[in-house]
Each structure stands twice: as structure tokens, then as C-alpha cells.
PDB file of all heavy atoms in Angstrom:
ATOM      1  N   GLY A   1      89.296 115.615  70.207  1.00  0.00           N
ATOM      2  CA  GLY A   1      90.506 115.037  69.529  1.00  0.00           C
ATOM      3  C   GLY A   1      91.580 114.672  70.485  1.00  0.00           C
ATOM      4  O   GLY A   1      92.162 113.580  70.361  1.00  0.00           O
ATOM      5  N   ALA A   2      91.871 115.522  71.410  1.00  0.00           N
ATOM      6  CA  ALA A   2      92.970 115.241  72.367  1.00  0.00           C
ATOM      7  C   ALA A   2      92.567 114.120  73.289  1.00  0.00           C
ATOM      8  O   ALA A   2      93.379 113.239  73.642  1.00  0.00           O
ATOM      9  CB  ALA A   2      93.205 116.538  73.207  1.00  0.00           C
ATOM     10  N   ALA A   3      91.277 114.089  73.736  1.00  0.00           N
ATOM     11  CA  ALA A   3      90.862 112.968  74.598  1.00  0.00           C
ATOM     12  C   ALA A   3      90.956 111.625  73.958  1.00  0.00           C
ATOM     13  O   ALA A   3      91.407 110.704  74.517  1.00  0.00           O
ATOM     14  CB  ALA A   3      89.392 113.241  75.011  1.00  0.00           C
ATOM     15  N   LYS A   4      90.580 111.613  72.621  1.00  0.00           N
ATOM     16  CA  LYS A   4      90.630 110.345  71.875  1.00  0.00           C
ATOM     17  C   LYS A   4      92.148 109.910  71.683  1.00  0.00           C
ATOM     18  O   LYS A   4      92.403 108.725  71.789  1.00  0.00           O
ATOM     19  CB  LYS A   4      89.974 110.469  70.533  1.00  0.00           C
ATOM     20  CG  LYS A   4      88.454 110.469  70.595  1.00  0.00           C
ATOM     21  CD  LYS A   4      87.849 110.528  69.184  1.00  0.00           C
ATOM     22  CE  LYS A   4      86.358 110.382  69.297  1.00  0.00           C
ATOM     23  NZ  LYS A   4      85.648 110.382  67.939  1.00  0.00           N
ATOM     24  N   ARG A   5      92.970 110.855  71.388  1.00  0.00           N
ATOM     25  CA  ARG A   5      94.397 110.508  71.252  1.00  0.00           C
ATOM     26  C   ARG A   5      95.013 109.969  72.453  1.00  0.00           C
ATOM     27  O   ARG A   5      95.754 108.973  72.469  1.00  0.00           O
ATOM     28  CB  ARG A   5      95.116 111.812  70.719  1.00  0.00           C
ATOM     29  CG  ARG A   5      96.540 111.512  70.237  1.00  0.00           C
ATOM     30  CD  ARG A   5      97.179 112.762  69.704  1.00  0.00           C
ATOM     31  NE  ARG A   5      98.505 112.455  69.326  1.00  0.00           N
ATOM     32  CZ  ARG A   5      99.391 113.410  68.984  1.00  0.00           C
ATOM     33  NH1 ARG A   5      99.054 114.645  68.874  1.00  0.00           N
ATOM     34  NH2 ARG A   5     100.671 113.087  68.710  1.00  0.00           N
ATOM     35  N   LEU A   6      94.723 110.639  73.600  1.00  0.00           N
ATOM     36  CA  LEU A   6      95.312 110.187  74.869  1.00  0.00           C
ATOM     37  C   LEU A   6      94.905 108.781  75.205  1.00  0.00           C
ATOM     38  O   LEU A   6      95.638 107.956  75.740  1.00  0.00           O
ATOM     39  CB  LEU A   6      94.921 111.116  75.994  1.00  0.00           C
ATOM     40  CG  LEU A   6      95.592 112.492  76.009  1.00  0.00           C
ATOM     41  CD1 LEU A   6      94.867 113.456  76.927  1.00  0.00           C
ATOM     42  CD2 LEU A   6      97.106 112.380  76.491  1.00  0.00           C
ATOM     43  N   THR A   7      93.626 108.462  74.947  1.00  0.00           N
ATOM     44  CA  THR A   7      93.041 107.183  75.292  1.00  0.00           C
ATOM     45  C   THR A   7      93.400 106.075  74.326  1.00  0.00           C
ATOM     46  O   THR A   7      93.751 104.928  74.741  1.00  0.00           O
ATOM     47  CB  THR A   7      91.511 107.311  75.573  1.00  0.00           C
ATOM     48  OG1 THR A   7      90.927 107.792  74.378  1.00  0.00           O
ATOM     49  CG2 THR A   7      91.177 108.175  76.750  1.00  0.00           C
ATOM     50  N   GLU A   8      93.191 106.283  73.070  1.00  0.00           N
ATOM     51  CA  GLU A   8      93.444 105.336  72.091  1.00  0.00           C
ATOM     52  C   GLU A   8      94.885 104.881  72.022  1.00  0.00           C
ATOM     53  O   GLU A   8      95.164 103.680  71.846  1.00  0.00           O
ATOM     54  CB  GLU A   8      92.976 105.808  70.714  1.00  0.00           C
ATOM     55  CG  GLU A   8      91.443 105.976  70.577  1.00  0.00           C
ATOM     56  CD  GLU A   8      91.047 106.504  69.208  1.00  0.00           C
ATOM     57  OE1 GLU A   8      91.961 106.905  68.408  1.00  0.00           O
ATOM     58  OE2 GLU A   8      89.891 106.679  68.936  1.00  0.00           O
ATOM     59  N   GLU A   9      95.855 105.749  72.245  1.00  0.00           N
ATOM     60  CA  GLU A   9      97.224 105.426  72.167  1.00  0.00           C
ATOM     61  C   GLU A   9      97.688 104.609  73.387  1.00  0.00           C
ATOM     62  O   GLU A   9      98.715 103.954  73.334  1.00  0.00           O
ATOM     63  CB  GLU A   9      98.095 106.662  72.050  1.00  0.00           C
ATOM     64  CG  GLU A   9      98.019 107.379  70.769  1.00  0.00           C
ATOM     65  CD  GLU A   9      98.472 106.512  69.593  1.00  0.00           C
ATOM     66  OE1 GLU A   9      99.501 105.891  69.678  1.00  0.00           O
ATOM     67  OE2 GLU A   9      97.748 106.558  68.543  1.00  0.00           O
ATOM     68  N   THR A  10      96.905 104.637  74.461  1.00  0.00           N
ATOM     69  CA  THR A  10      97.328 103.905  75.667  1.00  0.00           C
ATOM     70  C   THR A  10      96.364 102.723  75.966  1.00  0.00           C
ATOM     71  O   THR A  10      96.595 102.037  76.988  1.00  0.00           O
ATOM     72  CB  THR A  10      97.270 104.893  76.897  1.00  0.00           C
ATOM     73  OG1 THR A  10      96.038 105.424  77.056  1.00  0.00           O
ATOM     74  CG2 THR A  10      98.271 106.017  76.628  1.00  0.00           C
ATOM     75  N   GLY A  11      95.321 102.539  75.191  1.00  0.00           N
ATOM     76  CA  GLY A  11      94.453 101.360  75.398  1.00  0.00           C
ATOM     77  C   GLY A  11      93.267 101.676  76.211  1.00  0.00           C
ATOM     78  O   GLY A  11      92.581 100.727  76.692  1.00  0.00           O
ATOM     79  N   GLY A  12      92.905 102.954  76.427  1.00  0.00           N
ATOM     80  CA  GLY A  12      91.798 103.341  77.174  1.00  0.00           C
ATOM     81  C   GLY A  12      90.618 103.771  76.329  1.00  0.00           C
ATOM     82  O   GLY A  12      90.642 103.540  75.130  1.00  0.00           O
ATOM     83  N   ARG A  13      89.659 104.497  76.899  1.00  0.00           N
ATOM     84  CA  ARG A  13      88.492 104.924  76.133  1.00  0.00           C
ATOM     85  C   ARG A  13      88.001 106.227  76.668  1.00  0.00           C
ATOM     86  O   ARG A  13      88.257 106.642  77.825  1.00  0.00           O
ATOM     87  CB  ARG A  13      87.375 103.847  76.178  1.00  0.00           C
ATOM     88  CG  ARG A  13      86.834 103.584  77.493  1.00  0.00           C
ATOM     89  CD  ARG A  13      85.915 102.306  77.508  1.00  0.00           C
ATOM     90  NE  ARG A  13      84.715 102.516  76.743  1.00  0.00           N
ATOM     91  CZ  ARG A  13      83.519 102.385  77.256  1.00  0.00           C
ATOM     92  NH1 ARG A  13      83.324 102.046  78.450  1.00  0.00           N
ATOM     93  NH2 ARG A  13      82.452 102.552  76.471  1.00  0.00           N
ATOM     94  N   VAL A  14      87.220 106.913  75.803  1.00  0.00           N
ATOM     95  CA  VAL A  14      86.562 108.203  76.192  1.00  0.00           C
ATOM     96  C   VAL A  14      85.090 107.958  76.340  1.00  0.00           C
ATOM     97  O   VAL A  14      84.469 107.224  75.518  1.00  0.00           O
ATOM     98  CB  VAL A  14      86.788 109.225  75.130  1.00  0.00           C
ATOM     99  CG1 VAL A  14      86.082 110.524  75.453  1.00  0.00           C
ATOM    100  CG2 VAL A  14      88.245 109.536  74.839  1.00  0.00           C
ATOM    101  N   ILE A  15      84.543 108.424  77.433  1.00  0.00           N
ATOM    102  CA  ILE A  15      83.093 108.397  77.630  1.00  0.00           C
ATOM    103  C   ILE A  15      82.609 109.830  77.780  1.00  0.00           C
ATOM    104  O   ILE A  15      83.041 110.525  78.748  1.00  0.00           O
ATOM    105  CB  ILE A  15      82.705 107.561  78.819  1.00  0.00           C
ATOM    106  CG1 ILE A  15      83.251 106.139  78.741  1.00  0.00           C
ATOM    107  CG2 ILE A  15      81.181 107.541  78.992  1.00  0.00           C
ATOM    108  CD1 ILE A  15      82.958 105.271  79.951  1.00  0.00           C
ATOM    109  N   SER A  16      81.765 110.268  76.896  1.00  0.00           N
ATOM    110  CA  SER A  16      81.167 111.600  76.943  1.00  0.00           C
ATOM    111  C   SER A  16      80.129 111.630  77.997  1.00  0.00           C
ATOM    112  O   SER A  16      79.187 110.785  78.038  1.00  0.00           O
ATOM    113  CB  SER A  16      80.709 112.106  75.602  1.00  0.00           C
ATOM    114  OG  SER A  16      81.737 112.187  74.664  1.00  0.00           O
ATOM    115  N   VAL A  17      80.100 112.690  78.789  1.00  0.00           N
ATOM    116  CA  VAL A  17      79.154 112.793  79.948  1.00  0.00           C
ATOM    117  C   VAL A  17      78.468 114.154  79.843  1.00  0.00           C
ATOM    118  O   VAL A  17      79.106 115.196  79.698  1.00  0.00           O
ATOM    119  CB  VAL A  17      79.951 112.708  81.278  1.00  0.00           C
ATOM    120  CG1 VAL A  17      78.950 112.980  82.444  1.00  0.00           C
ATOM    121  CG2 VAL A  17      80.654 111.403  81.389  1.00  0.00           C
ATOM    122  N   SER A  18      77.123 114.077  79.912  1.00  0.00           N
ATOM    123  CA  SER A  18      76.385 115.293  79.773  1.00  0.00           C
ATOM    124  C   SER A  18      75.558 115.697  80.996  1.00  0.00           C
ATOM    125  O   SER A  18      74.962 116.736  81.088  1.00  0.00           O
ATOM    126  CB  SER A  18      75.428 115.217  78.509  1.00  0.00           C
ATOM    127  OG  SER A  18      74.556 114.124  78.725  1.00  0.00           O
ATOM    128  N   SER A  19      75.585 114.782  82.036  1.00  0.00           N
ATOM    129  CA  SER A  19      74.832 115.055  83.240  1.00  0.00           C
ATOM    130  C   SER A  19      75.420 114.324  84.380  1.00  0.00           C
ATOM    131  O   SER A  19      76.212 113.379  84.215  1.00  0.00           O
ATOM    132  CB  SER A  19      73.336 114.599  83.042  1.00  0.00           C
ATOM    133  OG  SER A  19      73.240 113.220  82.940  1.00  0.00           O
ATOM    134  N   GLU A  20      75.058 114.614  85.600  1.00  0.00           N
ATOM    135  CA  GLU A  20      75.584 113.991  86.761  1.00  0.00           C
ATOM    136  C   GLU A  20      75.200 112.491  86.781  1.00  0.00           C
ATOM    137  O   GLU A  20      75.914 111.632  87.210  1.00  0.00           O
ATOM    138  CB  GLU A  20      75.152 114.690  88.034  1.00  0.00           C
ATOM    139  CG  GLU A  20      75.810 116.012  88.243  1.00  0.00           C
ATOM    140  CD  GLU A  20      75.479 116.650  89.606  1.00  0.00           C
ATOM    141  OE1 GLU A  20      74.968 115.922  90.455  1.00  0.00           O
ATOM    142  OE2 GLU A  20      75.804 117.854  89.765  1.00  0.00           O
ATOM    143  N   LYS A  21      73.966 112.238  86.314  1.00  0.00           N
ATOM    144  CA  LYS A  21      73.430 110.794  86.231  1.00  0.00           C
ATOM    145  C   LYS A  21      74.392 109.979  85.293  1.00  0.00           C
ATOM    146  O   LYS A  21      74.760 108.882  85.631  1.00  0.00           O
ATOM    147  CB  LYS A  21      72.033 110.733  85.811  1.00  0.00           C
ATOM    148  CG  LYS A  21      71.485 109.362  85.724  1.00  0.00           C
ATOM    149  CD  LYS A  21      70.033 109.324  85.249  1.00  0.00           C
ATOM    150  CE  LYS A  21      69.549 107.889  85.181  1.00  0.00           C
ATOM    151  NZ  LYS A  21      68.081 107.872  84.718  1.00  0.00           N
ATOM    152  N   LYS A  22      74.700 110.571  84.160  1.00  0.00           N
ATOM    153  CA  LYS A  22      75.539 109.869  83.225  1.00  0.00           C
ATOM    154  C   LYS A  22      76.994 109.775  83.644  1.00  0.00           C
ATOM    155  O   LYS A  22      77.697 108.843  83.307  1.00  0.00           O
ATOM    156  CB  LYS A  22      75.474 110.546  81.839  1.00  0.00           C
ATOM    157  CG  LYS A  22      74.113 110.345  81.133  1.00  0.00           C
ATOM    158  CD  LYS A  22      74.159 110.881  79.701  1.00  0.00           C
ATOM    159  CE  LYS A  22      72.794 110.593  79.009  1.00  0.00           C
ATOM    160  NZ  LYS A  22      72.784 111.125  77.635  1.00  0.00           N
ATOM    161  N   LEU A  23      77.368 110.711  84.520  1.00  0.00           N
ATOM    162  CA  LEU A  23      78.689 110.602  85.099  1.00  0.00           C
ATOM    163  C   LEU A  23      78.846 109.405  86.001  1.00  0.00           C
ATOM    164  O   LEU A  23      79.881 108.671  85.888  1.00  0.00           O
ATOM    165  CB  LEU A  23      79.017 111.887  85.856  1.00  0.00           C
ATOM    166  CG  LEU A  23      80.350 111.957  86.593  1.00  0.00           C
ATOM    167  CD1 LEU A  23      81.465 112.013  85.553  1.00  0.00           C
ATOM    168  CD2 LEU A  23      80.424 113.242  87.479  1.00  0.00           C
ATOM    169  N   ALA A  24      77.886 109.176  86.826  1.00  0.00           N
ATOM    170  CA  ALA A  24      77.870 107.985  87.655  1.00  0.00           C
ATOM    171  C   ALA A  24      77.898 106.704  86.852  1.00  0.00           C
ATOM    172  O   ALA A  24      78.585 105.749  87.069  1.00  0.00           O
ATOM    173  CB  ALA A  24      76.678 107.930  88.579  1.00  0.00           C
ATOM    174  N   GLN A  25      77.070 106.649  85.736  1.00  0.00           N
ATOM    175  CA  GLN A  25      77.073 105.519  84.814  1.00  0.00           C
ATOM    176  C   GLN A  25      78.459 105.313  84.130  1.00  0.00           C
ATOM    177  O   GLN A  25      78.943 104.164  83.973  1.00  0.00           O
ATOM    178  CB  GLN A  25      75.976 105.698  83.779  1.00  0.00           C
ATOM    179  CG  GLN A  25      74.580 105.701  84.365  1.00  0.00           C
ATOM    180  CD  GLN A  25      73.542 106.036  83.268  1.00  0.00           C
ATOM    181  OE1 GLN A  25      73.866 106.496  82.190  1.00  0.00           O
ATOM    182  NE2 GLN A  25      72.280 105.805  83.622  1.00  0.00           N
ATOM    183  N   ALA A  26      79.084 106.416  83.803  1.00  0.00           N
ATOM    184  CA  ALA A  26      80.388 106.370  83.134  1.00  0.00           C
ATOM    185  C   ALA A  26      81.403 105.712  84.073  1.00  0.00           C
ATOM    186  O   ALA A  26      82.208 104.883  83.679  1.00  0.00           O
ATOM    187  CB  ALA A  26      80.815 107.675  82.619  1.00  0.00           C
TER     188      ALA A  26
END
């Protein structure tokens, strides 16, 4: 909830990451 609020109010986005491979993709 906090992540979405910080990003949505400023024009950014949240990307959920579950592994190091997905971190690089994010």
C-alpha cells in the first residue's frame, strides 16, 4: 500500500520482484 501510494502520487510505478533474475528485468 505504501509503495503504491508513493509511486502513484508522483507518476511512477511499482514492480514486484521475487528473484534476482526478475530484479534485473525490473
